[in-house]
Protein backbone atom coordinates (compact mmCIF):
# COMPACT_ATOMS: atom_id res chain seq x y z
CA MET A 1 0.00 0.00 0.00
CA ILE A 2 1.13 3.56 -0.74
CA ARG A 3 0.08 6.54 1.37
CA HIS A 4 0.07 9.75 -0.67
CA ILE A 5 0.37 12.62 1.84
CA VAL A 6 -0.30 16.19 0.71
CA ALA A 7 0.26 19.31 2.85
CA LEU A 8 -1.31 22.57 1.70
CA ARG A 9 -0.71 26.23 2.43
CA PHE A 10 -3.99 27.91 1.46
CA ARG A 11 -4.21 31.65 0.83
CA ALA A 12 -5.53 33.66 3.77
CA GLY A 13 -8.87 34.32 2.01
CA THR A 14 -9.72 30.68 1.26
CA THR A 15 -12.82 29.76 3.26
CA ASP A 16 -13.42 26.53 5.10
CA ALA A 17 -16.36 25.92 2.74
CA VAL A 18 -14.08 26.13 -0.31
CA LYS A 19 -11.58 23.79 1.32
CA GLN A 20 -14.32 21.30 2.22
CA ALA A 21 -15.73 21.38 -1.31
CA LEU A 22 -12.28 20.54 -2.68
CA TYR A 23 -11.84 17.72 -0.17
CA ASP A 24 -15.29 16.38 -1.08
CA GLU A 25 -14.26 16.30 -4.74
CA LEU A 26 -11.06 14.47 -3.84
CA ALA A 27 -13.01 11.98 -1.71
CA GLY A 28 -15.20 11.30 -4.74
CA LEU A 29 -12.18 9.94 -6.59
CA ARG A 30 -12.46 6.85 -4.40
CA GLY A 31 -15.46 5.72 -6.44
CA HIS A 32 -13.86 6.84 -9.70
CA ILE A 33 -10.44 5.12 -9.49
CA GLU A 34 -10.38 1.48 -8.50
CA GLY A 35 -7.79 0.72 -5.82
CA ILE A 36 -8.13 3.87 -3.71
CA GLU A 37 -8.47 2.35 -0.27
CA ASP A 38 -8.96 5.49 1.84
CA PHE A 39 -9.06 9.28 1.79
CA ARG A 40 -8.74 11.56 4.82
CA SER A 41 -8.37 15.31 5.29
CA PHE A 42 -7.05 17.05 8.38
CA THR A 43 -6.21 20.36 9.96
CA ASN A 44 -2.62 20.55 11.20
CA VAL A 45 -2.77 21.21 14.96
CA SER A 46 0.99 21.31 15.53
CA VAL A 47 2.22 23.98 17.92
CA GLU A 48 5.58 24.08 16.10
CA THR A 49 4.52 27.10 14.04
CA PRO A 50 8.01 27.99 12.71
CA VAL A 51 8.48 24.56 11.15
CA VAL A 52 4.87 24.19 9.99
CA ARG A 53 5.60 27.03 7.54
CA GLY A 54 1.91 27.66 6.94
CA PHE A 55 1.11 24.10 5.84
CA ASN A 56 -2.01 24.01 8.00
CA ASP A 57 -4.13 21.66 5.89
CA LEU A 58 -3.40 18.08 4.90
CA PHE A 59 -4.97 15.14 3.16
CA TRP A 60 -3.93 11.66 2.24
CA PHE A 61 -4.94 8.86 -0.04
CA ASP A 62 -4.13 5.23 0.59
CA PHE A 63 -3.58 3.45 -2.72
CA ARG A 64 -3.58 -0.35 -3.05
CA ASP A 65 -0.26 -0.15 -4.89
CA VAL A 66 2.00 2.02 -7.02
CA ALA A 67 -0.04 1.30 -10.16
CA VAL A 68 -3.13 2.84 -8.54
CA ARG A 69 -1.09 5.86 -7.43
CA ASP A 70 0.15 6.28 -10.98
CA ALA A 71 -3.39 5.99 -12.39
CA TYR A 72 -4.51 8.69 -9.93
CA LEU A 73 -1.67 11.01 -10.98
CA ALA A 74 -2.58 10.64 -14.67
CA ASP A 75 -6.35 10.89 -14.14
CA ALA A 76 -7.97 13.93 -15.80
CA GLN A 77 -10.51 14.38 -13.00
CA HIS A 78 -7.75 14.39 -10.38
CA GLN A 79 -5.72 16.87 -12.43
CA ALA A 80 -8.71 19.23 -12.71
CA ILE A 81 -9.28 19.14 -8.94
CA GLY A 82 -5.56 19.62 -8.37
CA ALA A 83 -5.56 22.71 -10.59
CA ARG A 84 -8.42 24.20 -8.53
CA ILE A 85 -6.52 23.46 -5.33
CA VAL A 86 -3.31 25.05 -6.62
CA ALA A 87 -5.31 28.16 -7.58
CA GLU A 88 -6.28 28.53 -3.89
CA LEU A 89 -2.75 28.12 -2.52
CA GLU A 90 -0.34 30.77 -1.36
CA GLY A 91 2.34 30.84 -4.05
CA GLY A 92 0.49 28.39 -6.29
CA ILE A 93 2.45 25.16 -6.64
CA ASP A 94 4.88 26.38 -3.96
CA GLY A 95 1.99 26.02 -1.52
CA VAL A 96 1.91 22.23 -1.78
CA PHE A 97 4.18 19.49 -0.40
CA VAL A 98 3.74 15.83 -1.38
CA ALA A 99 5.23 12.66 0.07
CA ASP A 100 4.49 9.05 -0.87
CA VAL A 101 5.34 6.38 1.68
CA PRO A 102 4.93 2.61 1.63
CA LEU A 103 2.76 1.11 4.36
């Protein structure tokens, strides 16, 4: 299994409703791409503000394997949602951090 972890630094004006709508769209990919095992979104509650660097929102997908992760990355629906997320981030693509880890 692969956990795809994404940390986001949203612009100051991005509302919780906008964030939730984006997360709901991402969660919908579970029924669209076979092999997505789980999706979760979180608020970062770390008190280590200097090292958080504004990455206060996170989500992850659990993919059955690397092939599913790769299908997700290439998927047009995922890419469209990703573009809408990046448009809401401070600094655009600089407002996202991604890590994939084996479980």
